[in-house]
Amino acid sequence: MLGLARASFVTFLSSQAGSSIGNISHRSFTSSSSLAATNYLLKYDYIPDVLEKRGPHRAGHLDLAKKMISEDKCLSGGPTGHPGMEVPSGALFIFTDLESAEKFIKEDPYVEHGIVTGHSIEEWNVVVKK
């Protein structure tokens, strides 16, 4: 239901292009500026004993990431956790398109073998960068 409401709202806003809604001017969420780019953040949650259990699957996990980096589909990735962590609680990968993030999940040995307990993909619109 929320998706339908959001879609309806976005459709309404699109139909208002060039006009004002109350005191708010219509502005697209994305931009055609050369600084703007849409990427996709893949967030993983790991099992607590990830360091003990990842061994047999780590090479396949890293090879998949390196392959997608060489194809310019993945920009970067690595473990995440609290500052000073000894054991990562998850990982974050940045992809150039949604399909690549989804493909990574489907092909990742960490997902297949239960190292990953949950994941999410979020759209990230980069507005400023170095």
C-alpha atoms as a PDB file:
ATOM      1  CA  MET A   1       0.000   0.000   0.000  1.00  0.00           C
ATOM      2  CA  LEU A   2       2.838   2.400   0.841  1.00  0.00           C
ATOM      3  CA  GLY A   3       4.440   1.730  -2.563  1.00  0.00           C
ATOM      4  CA  LEU A   4       1.162   2.590  -4.307  1.00  0.00           C
ATOM      5  CA  ALA A   5       0.790   5.799  -2.285  1.00  0.00           C
ATOM      6  CA  ARG A   6       4.388   6.798  -3.089  1.00  0.00           C
ATOM      7  CA  ALA A   7       3.894   6.020  -6.772  1.00  0.00           C
ATOM      8  CA  SER A   8       0.694   8.093  -6.818  1.00  0.00           C
ATOM      9  CA  PHE A   9       2.444  10.984  -5.114  1.00  0.00           C
ATOM     10  CA  VAL A  10       5.358  10.812  -7.560  1.00  0.00           C
ATOM     11  CA  THR A  11       2.908  10.709 -10.478  1.00  0.00           C
ATOM     12  CA  PHE A  12       1.133  13.752  -9.071  1.00  0.00           C
ATOM     13  CA  LEU A  13       4.403  15.642  -8.692  1.00  0.00           C
ATOM     14  CA  SER A  14       5.432  14.709 -12.231  1.00  0.00           C
ATOM     15  CA  SER A  15       2.181  16.117 -13.567  1.00  0.00           C
ATOM     16  CA  GLN A  16       2.952  19.381 -11.806  1.00  0.00           C
ATOM     17  CA  ALA A  17       6.275  19.959 -13.627  1.00  0.00           C
ATOM     18  CA  GLY A  18       6.858  23.632 -14.200  1.00  0.00           C
ATOM     19  CA  SER A  19       4.153  24.695 -11.752  1.00  0.00           C
ATOM     20  CA  SER A  20       4.173  25.455  -8.057  1.00  0.00           C
ATOM     21  CA  ILE A  21       2.378  23.433  -5.433  1.00  0.00           C
ATOM     22  CA  GLY A  22       1.462  25.900  -2.727  1.00  0.00           C
ATOM     23  CA  ASN A  23       4.718  27.681  -2.005  1.00  0.00           C
ATOM     24  CA  ILE A  24       6.854  24.680  -2.984  1.00  0.00           C
ATOM     25  CA  SER A  25       8.272  24.470  -6.505  1.00  0.00           C
ATOM     26  CA  HIS A  26       8.485  21.087  -8.203  1.00  0.00           C
ATOM     27  CA  ARG A  27      12.013  19.683  -8.213  1.00  0.00           C
ATOM     28  CA  SER A  28      13.074  16.239  -9.344  1.00  0.00           C
ATOM     29  CA  PHE A  29      14.763  13.957  -6.801  1.00  0.00           C
ATOM     30  CA  THR A  30      17.506  13.188  -9.283  1.00  0.00           C
ATOM     31  CA  SER A  31      19.444  15.702 -11.290  1.00  0.00           C
ATOM     32  CA  SER A  32      20.991  15.818 -14.728  1.00  0.00           C
ATOM     33  CA  SER A  33      24.001  17.643 -13.265  1.00  0.00           C
ATOM     34  CA  SER A  34      27.357  16.077 -14.070  1.00  0.00           C
ATOM     35  CA  LEU A  35      27.929  15.832 -10.302  1.00  0.00           C
ATOM     36  CA  ALA A  36      24.821  13.724  -9.728  1.00  0.00           C
ATOM     37  CA  ALA A  37      24.967   9.949 -10.091  1.00  0.00           C
ATOM     38  CA  THR A  38      22.716   7.175  -8.893  1.00  0.00           C
ATOM     39  CA  ASN A  39      24.410   4.252  -7.194  1.00  0.00           C
ATOM     40  CA  TYR A  40      23.030   1.335  -5.214  1.00  0.00           C
ATOM     41  CA  LEU A  41      24.175   0.437  -1.715  1.00  0.00           C
ATOM     42  CA  LEU A  42      24.062  -3.247  -0.862  1.00  0.00           C
ATOM     43  CA  LYS A  43      24.150  -3.753   2.903  1.00  0.00           C
ATOM     44  CA  TYR A  44      24.807  -7.154   4.440  1.00  0.00           C
ATOM     45  CA  ASP A  45      24.263  -8.414   7.988  1.00  0.00           C
ATOM     46  CA  TYR A  46      26.668 -11.177   9.041  1.00  0.00           C
ATOM     47  CA  ILE A  47      26.400 -14.043  11.488  1.00  0.00           C
ATOM     48  CA  PRO A  48      28.205 -13.317  14.803  1.00  0.00           C
ATOM     49  CA  ASP A  49      30.893 -15.959  14.106  1.00  0.00           C
ATOM     50  CA  VAL A  50      31.618 -14.746  10.570  1.00  0.00           C
ATOM     51  CA  LEU A  51      35.393 -14.954  11.016  1.00  0.00           C
ATOM     52  CA  GLU A  52      35.228 -18.637  11.942  1.00  0.00           C
ATOM     53  CA  LYS A  53      32.748 -19.653   9.219  1.00  0.00           C
ATOM     54  CA  ARG A  54      33.700 -17.572   6.158  1.00  0.00           C
ATOM     55  CA  GLY A  55      36.946 -19.403   5.327  1.00  0.00           C
ATOM     56  CA  PRO A  56      35.712 -21.939   2.742  1.00  0.00           C
ATOM     57  CA  HIS A  57      33.624 -19.290   0.957  1.00  0.00           C
ATOM     58  CA  ARG A  58      35.843 -16.205   1.173  1.00  0.00           C
ATOM     59  CA  ALA A  59      37.754 -16.695  -2.104  1.00  0.00           C
ATOM     60  CA  GLY A  60      34.510 -17.054  -4.078  1.00  0.00           C
ATOM     61  CA  HIS A  61      33.015 -14.005  -2.344  1.00  0.00           C
ATOM     62  CA  LEU A  62      36.078 -11.849  -3.093  1.00  0.00           C
ATOM     63  CA  ASP A  63      36.456 -13.182  -6.651  1.00  0.00           C
ATOM     64  CA  LEU A  64      32.854 -12.234  -7.417  1.00  0.00           C
ATOM     65  CA  ALA A  65      33.417  -8.711  -6.074  1.00  0.00           C
ATOM     66  CA  LYS A  66      36.675  -8.323  -8.039  1.00  0.00           C
ATOM     67  CA  LYS A  67      34.992  -9.565 -11.226  1.00  0.00           C
ATOM     68  CA  MET A  68      32.169  -7.044 -10.869  1.00  0.00           C
ATOM     69  CA  ILE A  69      34.692  -4.281 -10.121  1.00  0.00           C
ATOM     70  CA  SER A  70      36.616  -5.150 -13.302  1.00  0.00           C
ATOM     71  CA  GLU A  71      33.318  -4.900 -15.217  1.00  0.00           C
ATOM     72  CA  ASP A  72      32.695  -1.436 -13.677  1.00  0.00           C
ATOM     73  CA  LYS A  73      29.517  -2.736 -12.013  1.00  0.00           C
ATOM     74  CA  CYS A  74      30.810  -2.585  -8.425  1.00  0.00           C
ATOM     75  CA  LEU A  75      32.710   0.483  -7.242  1.00  0.00           C
ATOM     76  CA  SER A  76      33.869  -0.753  -3.840  1.00  0.00           C
ATOM     77  CA  GLY A  77      32.994  -2.968  -0.912  1.00  0.00           C
ATOM     78  CA  GLY A  78      34.129  -4.143   2.479  1.00  0.00           C
ATOM     79  CA  PRO A  79      33.229  -5.054   6.046  1.00  0.00           C
ATOM     80  CA  THR A  80      31.333  -2.720   8.365  1.00  0.00           C
ATOM     81  CA  GLY A  81      30.880  -2.481  12.110  1.00  0.00           C
ATOM     82  CA  HIS A  82      31.314  -0.258  15.103  1.00  0.00           C
ATOM     83  CA  PRO A  83      34.524   1.832  15.286  1.00  0.00           C
ATOM     84  CA  GLY A  84      37.363  -0.321  16.560  1.00  0.00           C
ATOM     85  CA  MET A  85      35.541  -3.531  15.633  1.00  0.00           C
ATOM     86  CA  GLU A  86      37.319  -6.846  15.859  1.00  0.00           C
ATOM     87  CA  VAL A  87      34.539  -8.780  14.148  1.00  0.00           C
ATOM     88  CA  PRO A  88      32.519  -7.153  11.343  1.00  0.00           C
ATOM     89  CA  SER A  89      28.749  -7.067  11.767  1.00  0.00           C
ATOM     90  CA  GLY A  90      28.148  -6.763   8.037  1.00  0.00           C
ATOM     91  CA  ALA A  91      29.407  -5.334   4.777  1.00  0.00           C
ATOM     92  CA  LEU A  92      28.655  -2.517   2.360  1.00  0.00           C
ATOM     93  CA  PHE A  93      29.051  -2.610  -1.420  1.00  0.00           C
ATOM     94  CA  ILE A  94      28.435   0.206  -3.894  1.00  0.00           C
ATOM     95  CA  PHE A  95      27.049  -0.760  -7.310  1.00  0.00           C
ATOM     96  CA  THR A  96      26.428   1.314 -10.430  1.00  0.00           C
ATOM     97  CA  ASP A  97      23.045  -0.295 -11.170  1.00  0.00           C
ATOM     98  CA  LEU A  98      20.323  -2.188  -9.351  1.00  0.00           C
ATOM     99  CA  GLU A  99      20.638  -5.314 -11.493  1.00  0.00           C
ATOM    100  CA  SER A 100      24.299  -5.742 -10.532  1.00  0.00           C
ATOM    101  CA  ALA A 101      23.529  -5.478  -6.812  1.00  0.00           C
ATOM    102  CA  GLU A 102      20.800  -8.102  -7.202  1.00  0.00           C
ATOM    103  CA  LYS A 103      23.115 -10.345  -9.237  1.00  0.00           C
ATOM    104  CA  PHE A 104      25.781 -10.112  -6.532  1.00  0.00           C
ATOM    105  CA  ILE A 105      23.295 -11.336  -3.919  1.00  0.00           C
ATOM    106  CA  LYS A 106      22.223 -14.254  -6.119  1.00  0.00           C
ATOM    107  CA  GLU A 107      25.791 -15.371  -6.864  1.00  0.00           C
ATOM    108  CA  ASP A 108      27.558 -14.617  -3.558  1.00  0.00           C
ATOM    109  CA  PRO A 109      28.747 -17.745  -1.697  1.00  0.00           C
ATOM    110  CA  TYR A 110      28.339 -15.853   1.601  1.00  0.00           C
ATOM    111  CA  VAL A 111      24.587 -15.641   0.946  1.00  0.00           C
ATOM    112  CA  GLU A 112      24.323 -19.222  -0.293  1.00  0.00           C
ATOM    113  CA  HIS A 113      26.123 -20.636   2.751  1.00  0.00           C
ATOM    114  CA  GLY A 114      24.432 -18.583   5.478  1.00  0.00           C
ATOM    115  CA  ILE A 115      27.215 -16.113   6.316  1.00  0.00           C
ATOM    116  CA  VAL A 116      24.794 -13.315   5.378  1.00  0.00           C
ATOM    117  CA  THR A 117      21.705 -13.246   7.612  1.00  0.00           C
ATOM    118  CA  GLY A 118      20.018 -10.288   5.938  1.00  0.00           C
ATOM    119  CA  HIS A 119      20.545  -7.751   3.209  1.00  0.00           C
ATOM    120  CA  SER A 120      19.051  -4.586   1.765  1.00  0.00           C
ATOM    121  CA  ILE A 121      19.570  -2.455  -1.307  1.00  0.00           C
ATOM    122  CA  GLU A 122      19.155   1.311  -1.161  1.00  0.00           C
ATOM    123  CA  GLU A 123      19.309   3.845  -3.943  1.00  0.00           C
ATOM    124  CA  TRP A 124      21.930   6.521  -3.306  1.00  0.00           C
ATOM    125  CA  ASN A 125      21.895   9.708  -5.317  1.00  0.00           C
ATOM    126  CA  VAL A 126      25.376  11.185  -5.150  1.00  0.00           C
ATOM    127  CA  VAL A 127      25.143  14.951  -5.265  1.00  0.00           C
ATOM    128  CA  VAL A 128      28.629  15.967  -4.131  1.00  0.00           C
ATOM    129  CA  LYS A 129      31.919  14.146  -4.446  1.00  0.00           C
ATOM    130  CA  LYS A 130      35.607  14.781  -4.765  1.00  0.00           C
END
